[in-house]
C-alpha cells in the first residue's frame, strides 16, 4: 500500500528478443471501495487504465483474471510461473463464456527463463 491510499504496482517481464528482464512500476487506486477489485492503474503520467479483477483465488491468492476497460484486454495472472492445465482450461472457459476471445491470449513459457 502507498501512503496516499493507492497500491504500488510492479510488473516484470522478460524480453526474449533482448534476452533481458524489464520492470515497470506504477500506481493504482480503487475506483469504488477498497474491497472491490476495480482499480485505475497508471505507469506513466496522469494517464490511467481500467483494471477489473473478475476472477480471483480468494482462498490462497495464487491467481486472478483481469480485464481492461473492455473485452479487448484480458490477463491471467499467477504467483507461480505455471498454472495447472485443468485450472488454465477452467479460467479460459469462464472468460470465453463472458465473451472474451481467448484464442488471442499469449502464454509465456517461463521454464527456460533465468530468475
PDB file of N, CA and C in Angstrom:
ATOM      1  N   UNK A   1       0.845  -1.189   0.000  1.00  0.00           N
ATOM      2  CA  UNK A   1       0.000   0.000   0.000  1.00  0.00           C
ATOM      3  C   UNK A   1       0.887   1.248   0.000  1.00  0.00           C
ATOM      4  N   UNK A   2       0.387   2.269  -0.636  1.00  0.00           N
ATOM      5  CA  UNK A   2       1.090   3.545  -0.691  1.00  0.00           C
ATOM      6  C   UNK A   2       0.526   4.478   0.376  1.00  0.00           C
ATOM      7  N   UNK A   3       1.305   5.468   0.767  1.00  0.00           N
ATOM      8  CA  UNK A   3       0.861   6.422   1.780  1.00  0.00           C
ATOM      9  C   UNK A   3      -0.351   7.231   1.333  1.00  0.00           C
ATOM     10  N   UNK A   4      -0.521   7.399   0.019  1.00  0.00           N
ATOM     11  CA  UNK A   4      -1.640   8.195  -0.500  1.00  0.00           C
ATOM     12  C   UNK A   4      -2.923   7.385  -0.677  1.00  0.00           C
ATOM     13  N   UNK A   5      -2.949   6.152  -0.155  1.00  0.00           N
ATOM     14  CA  UNK A   5      -4.138   5.321  -0.253  1.00  0.00           C
ATOM     15  C   UNK A   5      -4.159   4.421  -1.472  1.00  0.00           C
ATOM     16  N   UNK A   6      -3.184   4.561  -2.328  1.00  0.00           N
ATOM     17  CA  UNK A   6      -3.103   3.735  -3.522  1.00  0.00           C
ATOM     18  C   UNK A   6      -2.334   2.452  -3.269  1.00  0.00           C
ATOM     19  N   UNK A   7      -2.123   1.716  -4.334  1.00  0.00           N
ATOM     20  CA  UNK A   7      -1.411   0.443  -4.283  1.00  0.00           C
ATOM     21  C   UNK A   7      -0.205   0.524  -5.201  1.00  0.00           C
ATOM     22  N   UNK A   8       0.946   0.109  -4.726  1.00  0.00           N
ATOM     23  CA  UNK A   8       2.137   0.037  -5.570  1.00  0.00           C
ATOM     24  C   UNK A   8       1.991  -1.151  -6.512  1.00  0.00           C
ATOM     25  N   UNK A   9       2.239  -0.931  -7.796  1.00  0.00           N
ATOM     26  CA  UNK A   9       2.115  -1.971  -8.808  1.00  0.00           C
ATOM     27  C   UNK A   9       3.486  -2.200  -9.427  1.00  0.00           C
ATOM     28  N   UNK A  10       3.904  -3.434  -9.469  1.00  0.00           N
ATOM     29  CA  UNK A  10       5.193  -3.768 -10.055  1.00  0.00           C
ATOM     30  C   UNK A  10       4.996  -4.866 -11.086  1.00  0.00           C
ATOM     31  N   UNK A  11       5.244  -4.534 -12.337  1.00  0.00           N
ATOM     32  CA  UNK A  11       5.162  -5.517 -13.422  1.00  0.00           C
ATOM     33  C   UNK A  11       6.563  -5.867 -13.858  1.00  0.00           C
ATOM     34  N   UNK A  12       6.789  -7.142 -14.103  1.00  0.00           N
ATOM     35  CA  UNK A  12       8.101  -7.608 -14.528  1.00  0.00           C
ATOM     36  C   UNK A  12       7.900  -8.585 -15.669  1.00  0.00           C
ATOM     37  N   UNK A  13       8.641  -8.380 -16.746  1.00  0.00           N
ATOM     38  CA  UNK A  13       8.521  -9.251 -17.898  1.00  0.00           C
ATOM     39  C   UNK A  13       9.861  -9.496 -18.545  1.00  0.00           C
ATOM     40  N   UNK A  14       9.938 -10.553 -19.302  1.00  0.00           N
ATOM     41  CA  UNK A  14      11.181 -10.938 -19.948  1.00  0.00           C
ATOM     42  C   UNK A  14      11.067 -10.734 -21.443  1.00  0.00           C
ATOM     43  N   UNK A  15      12.030 -10.023 -22.022  1.00  0.00           N
ATOM     44  CA  UNK A  15      12.085  -9.821 -23.462  1.00  0.00           C
ATOM     45  C   UNK A  15      12.950 -10.920 -24.067  1.00  0.00           C
ATOM     46  N   UNK A  16      12.313 -11.815 -24.788  1.00  0.00           N
ATOM     47  CA  UNK A  16      13.049 -12.891 -25.449  1.00  0.00           C
ATOM     48  C   UNK A  16      14.009 -12.310 -26.481  1.00  0.00           C
ATOM     49  N   UNK A  17      13.554 -11.284 -27.174  1.00  0.00           N
ATOM     50  CA  UNK A  17      14.362 -10.653 -28.220  1.00  0.00           C
ATOM     51  C   UNK A  17      15.646 -10.036 -27.647  1.00  0.00           C
ATOM     52  N   UNK A  18      15.505  -9.302 -26.538  1.00  0.00           N
ATOM     53  CA  UNK A  18      16.660  -8.629 -25.936  1.00  0.00           C
ATOM     54  C   UNK A  18      17.375  -9.492 -24.903  1.00  0.00           C
ATOM     55  N   UNK A  19      16.763 -10.626 -24.558  1.00  0.00           N
ATOM     56  CA  UNK A  19      17.327 -11.527 -23.551  1.00  0.00           C
ATOM     57  C   UNK A  19      17.562 -10.799 -22.217  1.00  0.00           C
ATOM     58  N   UNK A  20      16.540 -10.030 -21.800  1.00  0.00           N
ATOM     59  CA  UNK A  20      16.672  -9.295 -20.544  1.00  0.00           C
ATOM     60  C   UNK A  20      15.313  -9.085 -19.894  1.00  0.00           C
ATOM     61  N   UNK A  21      15.360  -8.864 -18.583  1.00  0.00           N
ATOM     62  CA  UNK A  21      14.169  -8.564 -17.813  1.00  0.00           C
ATOM     63  C   UNK A  21      13.910  -7.073 -17.858  1.00  0.00           C
ATOM     64  N   UNK A  22      12.634  -6.695 -17.838  1.00  0.00           N
ATOM     65  CA  UNK A  22      12.243  -5.298 -17.778  1.00  0.00           C
ATOM     66  C   UNK A  22      11.211  -5.153 -16.665  1.00  0.00           C
ATOM     67  N   UNK A  23      11.350  -4.097 -15.894  1.00  0.00           N
ATOM     68  CA  UNK A  23      10.450  -3.849 -14.783  1.00  0.00           C
ATOM     69  C   UNK A  23       9.793  -2.483 -14.953  1.00  0.00           C
ATOM     70  N   UNK A  24       8.515  -2.417 -14.665  1.00  0.00           N
ATOM     71  CA  UNK A  24       7.784  -1.149 -14.705  1.00  0.00           C
ATOM     72  C   UNK A  24       7.029  -0.997 -13.391  1.00  0.00           C
ATOM     73  N   UNK A  25       7.203   0.144 -12.751  1.00  0.00           N
ATOM     74  CA  UNK A  25       6.497   0.406 -11.502  1.00  0.00           C
ATOM     75  C   UNK A  25       5.418   1.444 -11.747  1.00  0.00           C
ATOM     76  N   UNK A  26       4.249   1.170 -11.213  1.00  0.00           N
ATOM     77  CA  UNK A  26       3.132   2.084 -11.376  1.00  0.00           C
ATOM     78  C   UNK A  26       2.372   2.240 -10.080  1.00  0.00           C
ATOM     79  N   UNK A  27       1.223   2.848 -10.204  1.00  0.00           N
ATOM     80  CA  UNK A  27       0.372   3.055  -9.033  1.00  0.00           C
ATOM     81  C   UNK A  27      -1.062   2.772  -9.428  1.00  0.00           C
ATOM     82  N   UNK A  28      -1.836   2.321  -8.462  1.00  0.00           N
ATOM     83  CA  UNK A  28      -3.243   2.012  -8.693  1.00  0.00           C
ATOM     84  C   UNK A  28      -4.068   2.591  -7.553  1.00  0.00           C
ATOM     85  N   UNK A  29      -5.291   2.952  -7.890  1.00  0.00           N
ATOM     86  CA  UNK A  29      -6.225   3.469  -6.895  1.00  0.00           C
ATOM     87  C   UNK A  29      -7.560   2.771  -7.078  1.00  0.00           C
ATOM     88  N   UNK A  30      -8.211   2.472  -5.972  1.00  0.00           N
ATOM     89  CA  UNK A  30      -9.524   1.841  -6.029  1.00  0.00           C
ATOM     90  C   UNK A  30     -10.528   2.845  -6.583  1.00  0.00           C
ATOM     91  N   UNK A  31     -11.342   2.408  -7.527  1.00  0.00           N
ATOM     92  CA  UNK A  31     -12.326   3.286  -8.146  1.00  0.00           C
ATOM     93  C   UNK A  31     -13.529   3.453  -7.231  1.00  0.00           C
ATOM     94  N   UNK A  32     -13.938   2.387  -6.589  1.00  0.00           N
ATOM     95  CA  UNK A  32     -15.099   2.455  -5.692  1.00  0.00           C
ATOM     96  C   UNK A  32     -14.645   2.170  -4.260  1.00  0.00           C
ATOM     97  N   UNK A  33     -14.769   0.914  -3.836  1.00  0.00           N
ATOM     98  CA  UNK A  33     -14.414   0.544  -2.471  1.00  0.00           C
ATOM     99  C   UNK A  33     -13.112  -0.240  -2.462  1.00  0.00           C
ATOM    100  N   UNK A  34     -12.379  -0.186  -1.353  1.00  0.00           N
ATOM    101  CA  UNK A  34     -11.085  -0.863  -1.230  1.00  0.00           C
ATOM    102  C   UNK A  34     -11.215  -2.380  -1.219  1.00  0.00           C
ATOM    103  N   UNK A  35     -12.417  -2.912  -1.044  1.00  0.00           N
ATOM    104  CA  UNK A  35     -12.591  -4.362  -1.076  1.00  0.00           C
ATOM    105  C   UNK A  35     -13.222  -4.829  -2.389  1.00  0.00           C
ATOM    106  N   UNK A  36     -13.220  -3.955  -3.385  1.00  0.00           N
ATOM    107  CA  UNK A  36     -13.755  -4.288  -4.705  1.00  0.00           C
ATOM    108  C   UNK A  36     -12.620  -4.246  -5.719  1.00  0.00           C
ATOM    109  N   UNK A  37     -12.484  -5.303  -6.508  1.00  0.00           N
ATOM    110  CA  UNK A  37     -11.379  -5.428  -7.457  1.00  0.00           C
ATOM    111  C   UNK A  37     -11.544  -4.577  -8.703  1.00  0.00           C
ATOM    112  N   UNK A  38     -11.781  -3.298  -8.522  1.00  0.00           N
ATOM    113  CA  UNK A  38     -11.931  -2.367  -9.642  1.00  0.00           C
ATOM    114  C   UNK A  38     -11.000  -1.185  -9.370  1.00  0.00           C
ATOM    115  N   UNK A  39      -9.917  -1.157 -10.125  1.00  0.00           N
ATOM    116  CA  UNK A  39      -8.908  -0.132  -9.900  1.00  0.00           C
ATOM    117  C   UNK A  39      -8.611   0.643 -11.179  1.00  0.00           C
ATOM    118  N   UNK A  40      -7.995   1.784 -11.016  1.00  0.00           N
ATOM    119  CA  UNK A  40      -7.421   2.511 -12.144  1.00  0.00           C
ATOM    120  C   UNK A  40      -5.918   2.486 -11.921  1.00  0.00           C
ATOM    121  N   UNK A  41      -5.166   2.160 -12.983  1.00  0.00           N
ATOM    122  CA  UNK A  41      -3.733   1.925 -12.874  1.00  0.00           C
ATOM    123  C   UNK A  41      -2.991   2.861 -13.819  1.00  0.00           C
ATOM    124  N   UNK A  42      -1.865   3.377 -13.358  1.00  0.00           N
ATOM    125  CA  UNK A  42      -1.034   4.245 -14.192  1.00  0.00           C
ATOM    126  C   UNK A  42       0.428   3.835 -14.076  1.00  0.00           C
ATOM    127  N   UNK A  43       1.077   3.767 -15.226  1.00  0.00           N
ATOM    128  CA  UNK A  43       2.510   3.510 -15.260  1.00  0.00           C
ATOM    129  C   UNK A  43       3.283   4.724 -15.750  1.00  0.00           C
ATOM    130  N   UNK A  44       2.574   5.714 -16.246  1.00  0.00           N
ATOM    131  CA  UNK A  44       3.236   6.937 -16.693  1.00  0.00           C
ATOM    132  C   UNK A  44       2.252   8.097 -16.671  1.00  0.00           C
ATOM    133  N   UNK A  45       2.711   9.185 -16.099  1.00  0.00           N
ATOM    134  CA  UNK A  45       1.945  10.429 -16.117  1.00  0.00           C
ATOM    135  C   UNK A  45       0.562  10.320 -15.517  1.00  0.00           C
ATOM    136  N   UNK A  46      -0.295  11.206 -15.972  1.00  0.00           N
ATOM    137  CA  UNK A  46      -1.658  11.265 -15.422  1.00  0.00           C
ATOM    138  C   UNK A  46      -2.634  10.330 -16.135  1.00  0.00           C
ATOM    139  N   UNK A  47      -2.128   9.401 -16.927  1.00  0.00           N
ATOM    140  CA  UNK A  47      -2.990   8.521 -17.713  1.00  0.00           C
ATOM    141  C   UNK A  47      -3.258   7.223 -16.947  1.00  0.00           C
ATOM    142  N   UNK A  48      -4.528   6.870 -16.834  1.00  0.00           N
ATOM    143  CA  UNK A  48      -4.927   5.676 -16.095  1.00  0.00           C
ATOM    144  C   UNK A  48      -5.709   4.730 -16.999  1.00  0.00           C
ATOM    145  N   UNK A  49      -5.567   3.437 -16.724  1.00  0.00           N
ATOM    146  CA  UNK A  49      -6.336   2.424 -17.426  1.00  0.00           C
ATOM    147  C   UNK A  49      -7.116   1.587 -16.431  1.00  0.00           C
ATOM    148  N   UNK A  50      -8.207   1.027 -16.888  1.00  0.00           N
ATOM    149  CA  UNK A  50      -9.042   0.175 -16.029  1.00  0.00           C
ATOM    150  C   UNK A  50      -8.358  -1.159 -15.753  1.00  0.00           C
ATOM    151  N   UNK A  51      -8.566  -1.654 -14.561  1.00  0.00           N
ATOM    152  CA  UNK A  51      -8.015  -2.922 -14.107  1.00  0.00           C
ATOM    153  C   UNK A  51      -9.107  -3.555 -13.269  1.00  0.00           C
ATOM    154  N   UNK A  52      -9.859  -4.482 -13.880  1.00  0.00           N
ATOM    155  CA  UNK A  52     -11.015  -5.070 -13.212  1.00  0.00           C
ATOM    156  C   UNK A  52     -10.748  -6.547 -12.969  1.00  0.00           C
ATOM    157  N   UNK A  53     -10.666  -6.909 -11.701  1.00  0.00           N
ATOM    158  CA  UNK A  53     -10.440  -8.305 -11.320  1.00  0.00           C
ATOM    159  C   UNK A  53     -11.796  -8.991 -11.287  1.00  0.00           C
ATOM    160  N   UNK A  54     -12.007  -9.967 -12.182  1.00  0.00           N
ATOM    161  CA  UNK A  54     -13.315 -10.625 -12.197  1.00  0.00           C
ATOM    162  C   UNK A  54     -13.240 -12.102 -11.843  1.00  0.00           C
ATOM    163  N   UNK A  55     -12.065 -12.600 -11.613  1.00  0.00           N
ATOM    164  CA  UNK A  55     -11.889 -13.984 -11.141  1.00  0.00           C
ATOM    165  C   UNK A  55     -10.685 -13.964 -10.212  1.00  0.00           C
ATOM    166  N   UNK A  56     -10.840 -14.528  -9.017  1.00  0.00           N
ATOM    167  CA  UNK A  56      -9.779 -14.453  -8.021  1.00  0.00           C
ATOM    168  C   UNK A  56      -9.764 -15.712  -7.170  1.00  0.00           C
ATOM    169  N   UNK A  57      -8.578 -16.215  -6.931  1.00  0.00           N
ATOM    170  CA  UNK A  57      -8.401 -17.304  -5.968  1.00  0.00           C
ATOM    171  C   UNK A  57      -8.455 -16.660  -4.590  1.00  0.00           C
ATOM    172  N   UNK A  58      -9.650 -16.528  -4.055  1.00  0.00           N
ATOM    173  CA  UNK A  58      -9.809 -15.815  -2.784  1.00  0.00           C
ATOM    174  C   UNK A  58      -9.363 -16.619  -1.573  1.00  0.00           C
ATOM    175  N   UNK A  59      -9.021 -17.884  -1.783  1.00  0.00           N
ATOM    176  CA  UNK A  59      -8.534 -18.705  -0.671  1.00  0.00           C
ATOM    177  C   UNK A  59      -7.030 -18.514  -0.466  1.00  0.00           C
ATOM    178  N   UNK A  60      -6.256 -18.700  -1.535  1.00  0.00           N
ATOM    179  CA  UNK A  60      -4.792 -18.650  -1.420  1.00  0.00           C
ATOM    180  C   UNK A  60      -4.141 -17.516  -2.215  1.00  0.00           C
ATOM    181  N   UNK A  61      -4.923 -16.769  -2.972  1.00  0.00           N
ATOM    182  CA  UNK A  61      -4.426 -15.652  -3.793  1.00  0.00           C
ATOM    183  C   UNK A  61      -3.294 -16.088  -4.724  1.00  0.00           C
ATOM    184  N   UNK A  62      -3.502 -17.208  -5.408  1.00  0.00           N
ATOM    185  CA  UNK A  62      -2.482 -17.721  -6.318  1.00  0.00           C
ATOM    186  C   UNK A  62      -2.704 -17.278  -7.761  1.00  0.00           C
ATOM    187  N   UNK A  63      -3.903 -16.836  -8.110  1.00  0.00           N
ATOM    188  CA  UNK A  63      -4.179 -16.393  -9.478  1.00  0.00           C
ATOM    189  C   UNK A  63      -5.326 -15.392  -9.484  1.00  0.00           C
ATOM    190  N   UNK A  64      -5.404 -14.640 -10.566  1.00  0.00           N
ATOM    191  CA  UNK A  64      -6.538 -13.768 -10.822  1.00  0.00           C
ATOM    192  C   UNK A  64      -6.703 -13.634 -12.326  1.00  0.00           C
ATOM    193  N   UNK A  65      -7.901 -13.275 -12.734  1.00  0.00           N
ATOM    194  CA  UNK A  65      -8.173 -12.981 -14.135  1.00  0.00           C
ATOM    195  C   UNK A  65      -8.651 -11.537 -14.162  1.00  0.00           C
ATOM    196  N   UNK A  66      -8.015 -10.756 -15.024  1.00  0.00           N
ATOM    197  CA  UNK A  66      -8.215  -9.312 -15.031  1.00  0.00           C
ATOM    198  C   UNK A  66      -8.553  -8.860 -16.443  1.00  0.00           C
ATOM    199  N   UNK A  67      -9.446  -7.887 -16.526  1.00  0.00           N
ATOM    200  CA  UNK A  67      -9.770  -7.293 -17.820  1.00  0.00           C
ATOM    201  C   UNK A  67      -9.497  -5.799 -17.758  1.00  0.00           C
ATOM    202  N   UNK A  68      -9.400  -5.211 -18.927  1.00  0.00           N
ATOM    203  CA  UNK A  68      -9.257  -3.773 -19.037  1.00  0.00           C
ATOM    204  C   UNK A  68     -10.619  -3.120 -19.155  1.00  0.00           C
ATOM    205  N   UNK A  69     -10.691  -1.991 -19.875  1.00  0.00           N
ATOM    206  CA  UNK A  69     -11.954  -1.248 -19.974  1.00  0.00           C
ATOM    207  C   UNK A  69     -13.002  -1.933 -20.853  1.00  0.00           C
ATOM    208  N   UNK A  70     -12.560  -2.916 -21.638  1.00  0.00           N
ATOM    209  CA  UNK A  70     -13.498  -3.630 -22.499  1.00  0.00           C
ATOM    210  C   UNK A  70     -12.984  -5.059 -22.694  1.00  0.00           C
ATOM    211  N   UNK A  71     -13.585  -5.797 -23.598  1.00  0.00           N
ATOM    212  CA  UNK A  71     -13.215  -7.200 -23.768  1.00  0.00           C
ATOM    213  C   UNK A  71     -12.021  -7.401 -24.693  1.00  0.00           C
ATOM    214  N   UNK A  72     -11.319  -6.322 -25.018  1.00  0.00           N
ATOM    215  CA  UNK A  72     -10.098  -6.425 -25.831  1.00  0.00           C
ATOM    216  C   UNK A  72      -8.868  -6.691 -24.973  1.00  0.00           C
ATOM    217  N   UNK A  73      -9.000  -6.538 -23.668  1.00  0.00           N
ATOM    218  CA  UNK A  73      -7.863  -6.699 -22.760  1.00  0.00           C
ATOM    219  C   UNK A  73      -8.186  -7.760 -21.730  1.00  0.00           C
ATOM    220  N   UNK A  74      -7.308  -8.765 -21.626  1.00  0.00           N
ATOM    221  CA  UNK A  74      -7.519  -9.864 -20.692  1.00  0.00           C
ATOM    222  C   UNK A  74      -6.167 -10.413 -20.262  1.00  0.00           C
ATOM    223  N   UNK A  75      -5.998 -10.593 -18.955  1.00  0.00           N
ATOM    224  CA  UNK A  75      -4.766 -11.159 -18.422  1.00  0.00           C
ATOM    225  C   UNK A  75      -5.114 -12.248 -17.420  1.00  0.00           C
ATOM    226  N   UNK A  76      -4.347 -13.320 -17.459  1.00  0.00           N
ATOM    227  CA  UNK A  76      -4.392 -14.325 -16.400  1.00  0.00           C
ATOM    228  C   UNK A  76      -3.089 -14.147 -15.647  1.00  0.00           C
ATOM    229  N   UNK A  77      -3.189 -13.768 -14.390  1.00  0.00           N
ATOM    230  CA  UNK A  77      -2.017 -13.505 -13.562  1.00  0.00           C
ATOM    231  C   UNK A  77      -1.893 -14.590 -12.507  1.00  0.00           C
ATOM    232  N   UNK A  78      -0.659 -15.031 -12.256  1.00  0.00           N
ATOM    233  CA  UNK A  78      -0.440 -16.075 -11.263  1.00  0.00           C
ATOM    234  C   UNK A  78       0.853 -15.814 -10.510  1.00  0.00           C
ATOM    235  N   UNK A  79       0.899 -16.270  -9.290  1.00  0.00           N
ATOM    236  CA  UNK A  79       2.118 -16.110  -8.483  1.00  0.00           C
ATOM    237  C   UNK A  79       3.224 -17.056  -8.944  1.00  0.00           C
ATOM    238  N   UNK A  80       2.836 -18.202  -9.480  1.00  0.00           N
ATOM    239  CA  UNK A  80       3.813 -19.164  -9.987  1.00  0.00           C
ATOM    240  C   UNK A  80       3.919 -19.000 -11.495  1.00  0.00           C
ATOM    241  N   UNK A  81       5.041 -19.432 -12.045  1.00  0.00           N
ATOM    242  CA  UNK A  81       5.261 -19.271 -13.480  1.00  0.00           C
ATOM    243  C   UNK A  81       4.370 -20.182 -14.316  1.00  0.00           C
ATOM    244  N   UNK A  82       3.841 -21.231 -13.731  1.00  0.00           N
ATOM    245  CA  UNK A  82       2.943 -22.146 -14.449  1.00  0.00           C
ATOM    246  C   UNK A  82       1.723 -22.418 -13.580  1.00  0.00           C
ATOM    247  N   UNK A  83       0.572 -22.583 -14.243  1.00  0.00           N
ATOM    248  CA  UNK A  83      -0.618 -23.000 -13.513  1.00  0.00           C
ATOM    249  C   UNK A  83      -1.026 -24.371 -14.045  1.00  0.00           C
ATOM    250  N   UNK A  84      -1.744 -25.099 -13.228  1.00  0.00           N
ATOM    251  CA  UNK A  84      -2.178 -26.445 -13.606  1.00  0.00           C
ATOM    252  C   UNK A  84      -3.016 -26.378 -14.883  1.00  0.00           C
ATOM    253  N   UNK A  85      -2.843 -27.328 -15.795  1.00  0.00           N
ATOM    254  CA  UNK A  85      -3.602 -27.325 -17.048  1.00  0.00           C
ATOM    255  C   UNK A  85      -5.121 -27.298 -16.847  1.00  0.00           C
ATOM    256  N   UNK A  86      -5.612 -27.997 -15.819  1.00  0.00           N
ATOM    257  CA  UNK A  86      -7.047 -28.024 -15.563  1.00  0.00           C
ATOM    258  C   UNK A  86      -7.548 -26.638 -15.148  1.00  0.00           C
ATOM    259  N   UNK A  87      -6.789 -25.953 -14.304  1.00  0.00           N
ATOM    260  CA  UNK A  87      -7.161 -24.608 -13.874  1.00  0.00           C
ATOM    261  C   UNK A  87      -7.103 -23.643 -15.056  1.00  0.00           C
ATOM    262  N   UNK A  88      -6.061 -23.761 -15.857  1.00  0.00           N
ATOM    263  CA  UNK A  88      -5.924 -22.908 -17.037  1.00  0.00           C
ATOM    264  C   UNK A  88      -7.143 -23.062 -17.943  1.00  0.00           C
ATOM    265  N   UNK A  89      -7.551 -24.287 -18.208  1.00  0.00           N
ATOM    266  CA  UNK A  89      -8.711 -24.532 -19.074  1.00  0.00           C
ATOM    267  C   UNK A  89      -9.986 -23.992 -18.446  1.00  0.00           C
ATOM    268  N   UNK A  90     -10.113 -24.145 -17.138  1.00  0.00           N
ATOM    269  CA  UNK A  90     -11.302 -23.641 -16.443  1.00  0.00           C
ATOM    270  C   UNK A  90     -11.381 -22.117 -16.557  1.00  0.00           C
ATOM    271  N   UNK A  91     -10.266 -21.434 -16.359  1.00  0.00           N
ATOM    272  CA  UNK A  91     -10.249 -19.967 -16.454  1.00  0.00           C
ATOM    273  C   UNK A  91     -10.519 -19.505 -17.883  1.00  0.00           C
ATOM    274  N   UNK A  92      -9.959 -20.212 -18.857  1.00  0.00           N
ATOM    275  CA  UNK A  92     -10.210 -19.872 -20.256  1.00  0.00           C
ATOM    276  C   UNK A  92     -11.690 -20.071 -20.606  1.00  0.00           C
ATOM    277  N   UNK A  93     -12.274 -21.144 -20.126  1.00  0.00           N
ATOM    278  CA  UNK A  93     -13.691 -21.413 -20.394  1.00  0.00           C
ATOM    279  C   UNK A  93     -14.579 -20.333 -19.791  1.00  0.00           C
ATOM    280  N   UNK A  94     -14.275 -19.925 -18.569  1.00  0.00           N
ATOM    281  CA  UNK A  94     -15.069 -18.873 -17.919  1.00  0.00           C
ATOM    282  C   UNK A  94     -14.960 -17.558 -18.676  1.00  0.00           C
ATOM    283  N   UNK A  95     -13.735 -17.205 -19.087  1.00  0.00           N
ATOM    284  CA  UNK A  95     -13.533 -15.959 -19.830  1.00  0.00           C
ATOM    285  C   UNK A  95     -14.252 -16.015 -21.176  1.00  0.00           C
ATOM    286  N   UNK A  96     -14.173 -17.137 -21.865  1.00  0.00           N
ATOM    287  CA  UNK A  96     -14.843 -17.288 -23.159  1.00  0.00           C
ATOM    288  C   UNK A  96     -16.361 -17.172 -22.991  1.00  0.00           C
ATOM    289  N   UNK A  97     -16.881 -17.739 -21.911  1.00  0.00           N
ATOM    290  CA  UNK A  97     -18.318 -17.664 -21.654  1.00  0.00           C
ATOM    291  C   UNK A  97     -18.777 -16.223 -21.431  1.00  0.00           C
ATOM    292  N   UNK A  98     -17.861 -15.371 -20.989  1.00  0.00           N
ATOM    293  CA  UNK A  98     -18.178 -13.955 -20.778  1.00  0.00           C
ATOM    294  C   UNK A  98     -17.964 -13.118 -22.037  1.00  0.00           C
ATOM    295  N   UNK A  99     -17.540 -13.774 -23.121  1.00  0.00           N
ATOM    296  CA  UNK A  99     -17.400 -13.060 -24.388  1.00  0.00           C
ATOM    297  C   UNK A  99     -15.996 -12.657 -24.779  1.00  0.00           C
ATOM    298  N   UNK A 100     -14.979 -13.109 -24.047  1.00  0.00           N
ATOM    299  CA  UNK A 100     -13.595 -12.782 -24.395  1.00  0.00           C
ATOM    300  C   UNK A 100     -13.097 -13.742 -25.477  1.00  0.00           C
ATOM    301  N   UNK A 101     -12.308 -13.219 -26.411  1.00  0.00           N
ATOM    302  CA  UNK A 101     -11.690 -14.049 -27.444  1.00  0.00           C
ATOM    303  C   UNK A 101     -10.396 -14.616 -26.861  1.00  0.00           C
ATOM    304  N   UNK A 102     -10.492 -15.759 -26.242  1.00  0.00           N
ATOM    305  CA  UNK A 102      -9.332 -16.344 -25.566  1.00  0.00           C
ATOM    306  C   UNK A 102      -8.312 -16.924 -26.542  1.00  0.00           C
ATOM    307  N   UNK A 103      -8.669 -17.023 -27.823  1.00  0.00           N
ATOM    308  CA  UNK A 103      -7.718 -17.536 -28.812  1.00  0.00           C
ATOM    309  C   UNK A 103      -6.587 -16.548 -29.063  1.00  0.00           C
ATOM    310  N   UNK A 104      -6.770 -15.291 -28.669  1.00  0.00           N
ATOM    311  CA  UNK A 104      -5.743 -14.266 -28.870  1.00  0.00           C
ATOM    312  C   UNK A 104      -4.770 -14.159 -27.696  1.00  0.00           C
ATOM    313  N   UNK A 105      -5.000 -14.913 -26.635  1.00  0.00           N
ATOM    314  CA  UNK A 105      -4.101 -14.844 -25.476  1.00  0.00           C
ATOM    315  C   UNK A 105      -2.729 -15.391 -25.832  1.00  0.00           C
ATOM    316  N   UNK A 106      -1.711 -14.777 -25.255  1.00  0.00           N
ATOM    317  CA  UNK A 106      -0.327 -15.222 -25.443  1.00  0.00           C
ATOM    318  C   UNK A 106       0.138 -15.791 -24.108  1.00  0.00           C
ATOM    319  N   UNK A 107       0.586 -17.029 -24.122  1.00  0.00           N
ATOM    320  CA  UNK A 107       1.082 -17.655 -22.902  1.00  0.00           C
ATOM    321  C   UNK A 107       2.603 -17.706 -22.961  1.00  0.00           C
ATOM    322  N   UNK A 108       3.238 -17.109 -21.986  1.00  0.00           N
ATOM    323  CA  UNK A 108       4.693 -17.011 -21.931  1.00  0.00           C
ATOM    324  C   UNK A 108       5.256 -18.292 -21.347  1.00  0.00           C
ATOM    325  N   UNK A 109       6.253 -18.834 -22.003  1.00  0.00           N
ATOM    326  CA  UNK A 109       6.973 -20.007 -21.477  1.00  0.00           C
ATOM    327  C   UNK A 109       8.014 -19.508 -20.483  1.00  0.00           C
ATOM    328  N   UNK A 110       7.873 -19.883 -19.228  1.00  0.00           N
ATOM    329  CA  UNK A 110       8.756 -19.395 -18.172  1.00  0.00           C
ATOM    330  C   UNK A 110       9.878 -20.357 -17.814  1.00  0.00           C
ATOM    331  N   UNK A 111       9.745 -21.592 -18.148  1.00  0.00           N
ATOM    332  CA  UNK A 111      10.659 -22.622 -17.668  1.00  0.00           C
ATOM    333  C   UNK A 111      12.118 -22.325 -18.002  1.00  0.00           C
ATOM    334  N   UNK A 112      12.396 -21.749 -19.141  1.00  0.00           N
ATOM    335  CA  UNK A 112      13.775 -21.529 -19.569  1.00  0.00           C
ATOM    336  C   UNK A 112      14.328 -20.174 -19.137  1.00  0.00           C
ATOM    337  N   UNK A 113      13.529 -19.353 -18.505  1.00  0.00           N
ATOM    338  CA  UNK A 113      13.966 -18.013 -18.141  1.00  0.00           C
ATOM    339  C   UNK A 113      14.733 -18.018 -16.820  1.00  0.00           C
ATOM    340  N   UNK A 114      15.836 -17.294 -16.789  1.00  0.00           N
ATOM    341  CA  UNK A 114      16.589 -17.142 -15.548  1.00  0.00           C
ATOM    342  C   UNK A 114      15.835 -16.194 -14.624  1.00  0.00           C
ATOM    343  N   UNK A 115      15.820 -16.476 -13.385  1.00  0.00           N
ATOM    344  CA  UNK A 115      15.120 -15.616 -12.415  1.00  0.00           C
ATOM    345  C   UNK A 115      16.063 -14.612 -11.827  1.00  0.00           C
TER     346      UNK A 115
END
